[in-house]
Amino acid sequence: MTKQKRAVMIGLERSANSKLKITMDDLIQISDKPSKWIKDVIITFKEYDDSIFEELDFTEKDLADFGYSIIARLYAFYKQGEI
């Protein structure tokens, strides 16, 4: 049995409290439609004031943590044969 392919989606949306929210979700590829993916699991999110985006004023820790989270998810897919 072939495992479903998985991916990570990074999104940006406006939160209920008017901050910008970066989201990271797992996606699953639909086997009968290889170009179609569906959201499977919300992994994490972080909210920021607009000024952080406008000035690209993220801390190095925030950037490192977010980058690590992406690589960790992709590594998990790789180890489970879901690529």
N, C-alpha and C. Protein backbone atom coordinates (compact mmCIF):
# COMPACT_ATOMS: atom_id res chain seq x y z
N MET A 1 0.83 -1.19 0.00
CA MET A 1 0.00 0.00 0.00
C MET A 1 0.88 1.25 0.00
N THR A 2 0.63 2.16 -0.91
CA THR A 2 1.38 3.41 -1.01
C THR A 2 0.85 4.42 -0.02
N LYS A 3 1.79 5.04 0.70
CA LYS A 3 1.38 6.08 1.65
C LYS A 3 1.03 7.35 0.89
N GLN A 4 0.14 8.13 1.47
CA GLN A 4 -0.22 9.41 0.87
C GLN A 4 0.95 10.37 1.01
N LYS A 5 1.13 11.20 0.00
CA LYS A 5 2.17 12.22 0.07
C LYS A 5 1.68 13.36 0.95
N ARG A 6 2.63 13.96 1.67
CA ARG A 6 2.28 15.04 2.59
C ARG A 6 3.16 16.24 2.31
N ALA A 7 2.71 17.40 2.75
CA ALA A 7 3.44 18.65 2.56
C ALA A 7 3.12 19.60 3.71
N VAL A 8 3.87 20.68 3.78
CA VAL A 8 3.64 21.73 4.76
C VAL A 8 3.18 22.97 4.01
N MET A 9 2.14 23.60 4.53
CA MET A 9 1.65 24.84 3.94
C MET A 9 1.84 25.97 4.96
N ILE A 10 2.43 27.06 4.51
CA ILE A 10 2.59 28.24 5.34
C ILE A 10 1.59 29.27 4.84
N GLY A 11 0.83 29.84 5.75
CA GLY A 11 -0.20 30.81 5.36
C GLY A 11 -0.12 32.07 6.20
N LEU A 12 -0.80 33.09 5.72
CA LEU A 12 -0.89 34.36 6.43
C LEU A 12 -2.34 34.79 6.42
N GLU A 13 -2.87 35.09 7.58
CA GLU A 13 -4.26 35.54 7.68
C GLU A 13 -4.40 36.57 8.78
N ARG A 14 -5.53 37.22 8.82
CA ARG A 14 -5.82 38.21 9.85
C ARG A 14 -6.54 37.49 11.00
N SER A 15 -6.04 37.65 12.20
CA SER A 15 -6.66 36.99 13.36
C SER A 15 -7.85 37.80 13.87
N ALA A 16 -8.60 37.22 14.80
CA ALA A 16 -9.78 37.89 15.35
C ALA A 16 -9.42 39.18 16.08
N ASN A 17 -8.20 39.25 16.60
CA ASN A 17 -7.78 40.47 17.31
C ASN A 17 -6.99 41.43 16.41
N SER A 18 -7.16 41.27 15.07
CA SER A 18 -6.59 42.16 14.05
C SER A 18 -5.08 42.08 13.90
N LYS A 19 -4.46 41.05 14.43
CA LYS A 19 -3.03 40.86 14.19
C LYS A 19 -2.86 39.97 12.97
N LEU A 20 -1.66 39.95 12.42
CA LEU A 20 -1.35 39.04 11.33
C LEU A 20 -0.91 37.72 11.93
N LYS A 21 -1.44 36.64 11.39
CA LYS A 21 -1.15 35.31 11.92
C LYS A 21 -0.48 34.47 10.85
N ILE A 22 0.74 33.98 11.15
CA ILE A 22 1.42 33.01 10.28
C ILE A 22 0.97 31.64 10.76
N THR A 23 0.48 30.83 9.83
CA THR A 23 0.03 29.49 10.17
C THR A 23 0.88 28.44 9.46
N MET A 24 1.01 27.29 10.07
CA MET A 24 1.68 26.16 9.45
C MET A 24 0.77 24.95 9.59
N ASP A 25 0.40 24.37 8.45
CA ASP A 25 -0.52 23.25 8.42
C ASP A 25 0.08 22.09 7.63
N ASP A 26 -0.30 20.87 8.01
CA ASP A 26 0.04 19.69 7.21
C ASP A 26 -1.00 19.53 6.12
N LEU A 27 -0.55 19.13 4.94
CA LEU A 27 -1.43 18.83 3.81
C LEU A 27 -1.27 17.37 3.43
N ILE A 28 -2.32 16.80 2.86
CA ILE A 28 -2.28 15.45 2.30
C ILE A 28 -2.68 15.55 0.83
N GLN A 29 -1.92 14.86 -0.02
CA GLN A 29 -2.25 14.84 -1.45
C GLN A 29 -3.36 13.83 -1.69
N ILE A 30 -4.35 14.23 -2.46
CA ILE A 30 -5.45 13.33 -2.82
C ILE A 30 -4.94 12.41 -3.93
N SER A 31 -4.99 11.11 -3.69
CA SER A 31 -4.34 10.15 -4.58
C SER A 31 -4.92 10.13 -5.99
N ASP A 32 -6.21 10.33 -6.15
CA ASP A 32 -6.79 10.28 -7.50
C ASP A 32 -6.68 11.63 -8.22
N LYS A 33 -6.21 12.66 -7.53
CA LYS A 33 -6.01 13.99 -8.13
C LYS A 33 -4.67 14.52 -7.63
N PRO A 34 -3.56 14.13 -8.26
CA PRO A 34 -2.24 14.49 -7.74
C PRO A 34 -1.97 15.98 -7.58
N SER A 35 -2.72 16.82 -8.26
CA SER A 35 -2.50 18.26 -8.12
C SER A 35 -3.37 18.86 -7.02
N LYS A 36 -4.17 18.04 -6.33
CA LYS A 36 -5.07 18.54 -5.29
C LYS A 36 -4.58 18.08 -3.92
N TRP A 37 -4.51 19.04 -3.02
CA TRP A 37 -4.08 18.80 -1.64
C TRP A 37 -5.17 19.27 -0.69
N ILE A 38 -5.30 18.60 0.45
CA ILE A 38 -6.26 19.04 1.47
C ILE A 38 -5.52 19.26 2.79
N LYS A 39 -6.04 20.21 3.56
CA LYS A 39 -5.48 20.49 4.88
C LYS A 39 -5.80 19.32 5.80
N ASP A 40 -4.79 18.85 6.51
CA ASP A 40 -4.97 17.72 7.42
C ASP A 40 -4.93 18.16 8.88
N VAL A 41 -3.86 18.82 9.28
CA VAL A 41 -3.66 19.17 10.68
C VAL A 41 -3.08 20.58 10.77
N ILE A 42 -3.60 21.37 11.68
CA ILE A 42 -2.98 22.66 11.99
C ILE A 42 -1.83 22.37 12.94
N ILE A 43 -0.63 22.75 12.54
CA ILE A 43 0.55 22.45 13.34
C ILE A 43 0.83 23.55 14.36
N THR A 44 0.92 24.77 13.88
CA THR A 44 1.23 25.87 14.78
C THR A 44 0.85 27.20 14.13
N PHE A 45 0.83 28.23 14.93
CA PHE A 45 0.64 29.58 14.40
C PHE A 45 1.26 30.57 15.37
N LYS A 46 1.55 31.75 14.85
CA LYS A 46 2.07 32.82 15.69
C LYS A 46 1.52 34.13 15.16
N GLU A 47 1.12 35.01 16.07
CA GLU A 47 0.54 36.29 15.70
C GLU A 47 1.56 37.41 15.87
N TYR A 48 1.47 38.39 14.95
CA TYR A 48 2.38 39.54 14.97
C TYR A 48 1.60 40.81 14.68
N ASP A 49 2.11 41.94 15.17
CA ASP A 49 1.58 43.25 14.79
C ASP A 49 1.98 43.53 13.34
N ASP A 50 1.17 44.30 12.65
CA ASP A 50 1.47 44.66 11.26
C ASP A 50 2.86 45.28 11.12
N SER A 51 3.27 46.06 12.10
CA SER A 51 4.56 46.76 12.01
C SER A 51 5.73 45.77 11.90
N ILE A 52 5.61 44.61 12.51
CA ILE A 52 6.67 43.60 12.41
C ILE A 52 6.84 43.19 10.96
N PHE A 53 5.71 42.96 10.25
CA PHE A 53 5.77 42.59 8.83
C PHE A 53 6.27 43.75 7.98
N GLU A 54 5.74 44.93 8.22
CA GLU A 54 6.11 46.08 7.39
C GLU A 54 7.60 46.38 7.46
N GLU A 55 8.19 46.16 8.62
CA GLU A 55 9.61 46.45 8.80
C GLU A 55 10.48 45.19 8.74
N LEU A 56 9.85 44.03 8.53
CA LEU A 56 10.57 42.74 8.57
C LEU A 56 11.43 42.66 9.82
N ASP A 57 10.80 42.98 10.95
CA ASP A 57 11.50 43.10 12.23
C ASP A 57 11.30 41.87 13.11
N PHE A 58 11.48 40.70 12.54
CA PHE A 58 11.35 39.46 13.30
C PHE A 58 12.64 39.21 14.08
N THR A 59 12.50 38.62 15.25
CA THR A 59 13.71 38.28 16.00
C THR A 59 14.38 37.07 15.34
N GLU A 60 15.68 36.94 15.55
CA GLU A 60 16.38 35.79 15.00
C GLU A 60 15.83 34.50 15.59
N LYS A 61 15.42 34.54 16.85
CA LYS A 61 14.85 33.35 17.48
C LYS A 61 13.54 32.95 16.80
N ASP A 62 12.66 33.92 16.53
CA ASP A 62 11.41 33.60 15.83
C ASP A 62 11.68 32.98 14.47
N LEU A 63 12.60 33.56 13.72
CA LEU A 63 12.93 33.04 12.39
C LEU A 63 13.53 31.63 12.50
N ALA A 64 14.44 31.43 13.44
CA ALA A 64 15.06 30.12 13.62
C ALA A 64 14.03 29.08 14.06
N ASP A 65 13.17 29.44 15.00
CA ASP A 65 12.15 28.50 15.48
C ASP A 65 11.19 28.09 14.37
N PHE A 66 10.76 29.07 13.57
CA PHE A 66 9.83 28.76 12.50
C PHE A 66 10.49 27.90 11.44
N GLY A 67 11.71 28.24 11.08
CA GLY A 67 12.46 27.43 10.11
C GLY A 67 12.68 26.01 10.60
N TYR A 68 13.01 25.87 11.88
CA TYR A 68 13.21 24.54 12.46
C TYR A 68 11.91 23.73 12.42
N SER A 69 10.80 24.37 12.71
CA SER A 69 9.51 23.68 12.67
C SER A 69 9.20 23.14 11.28
N ILE A 70 9.50 23.93 10.26
CA ILE A 70 9.26 23.48 8.88
C ILE A 70 10.13 22.27 8.56
N ILE A 71 11.42 22.37 8.85
CA ILE A 71 12.34 21.26 8.55
C ILE A 71 11.96 20.02 9.34
N ALA A 72 11.56 20.18 10.60
CA ALA A 72 11.17 19.02 11.43
C ALA A 72 9.96 18.31 10.84
N ARG A 73 8.96 19.06 10.36
CA ARG A 73 7.77 18.44 9.74
C ARG A 73 8.16 17.68 8.48
N LEU A 74 8.97 18.32 7.63
CA LEU A 74 9.40 17.67 6.39
C LEU A 74 10.22 16.41 6.68
N TYR A 75 11.06 16.47 7.69
CA TYR A 75 11.85 15.30 8.09
C TYR A 75 10.94 14.16 8.54
N ALA A 76 9.90 14.49 9.30
CA ALA A 76 8.95 13.46 9.74
C ALA A 76 8.28 12.79 8.54
N PHE A 77 7.89 13.57 7.55
CA PHE A 77 7.29 13.00 6.33
C PHE A 77 8.28 12.08 5.64
N TYR A 78 9.53 12.53 5.54
CA TYR A 78 10.58 11.76 4.89
C TYR A 78 10.77 10.41 5.60
N LYS A 79 10.88 10.45 6.92
CA LYS A 79 11.10 9.22 7.69
C LYS A 79 9.92 8.26 7.59
N GLN A 80 8.72 8.78 7.41
CA GLN A 80 7.53 7.93 7.30
C GLN A 80 7.24 7.51 5.87
N GLY A 81 8.10 7.91 4.93
CA GLY A 81 7.90 7.54 3.53
C GLY A 81 6.74 8.25 2.88
N GLU A 82 6.42 9.46 3.36
CA GLU A 82 5.27 10.21 2.85
C GLU A 82 5.72 11.35 1.96
N ILE A 83 6.67 11.07 1.08
CA ILE A 83 7.13 12.10 0.13
C ILE A 83 6.97 11.62 -1.28
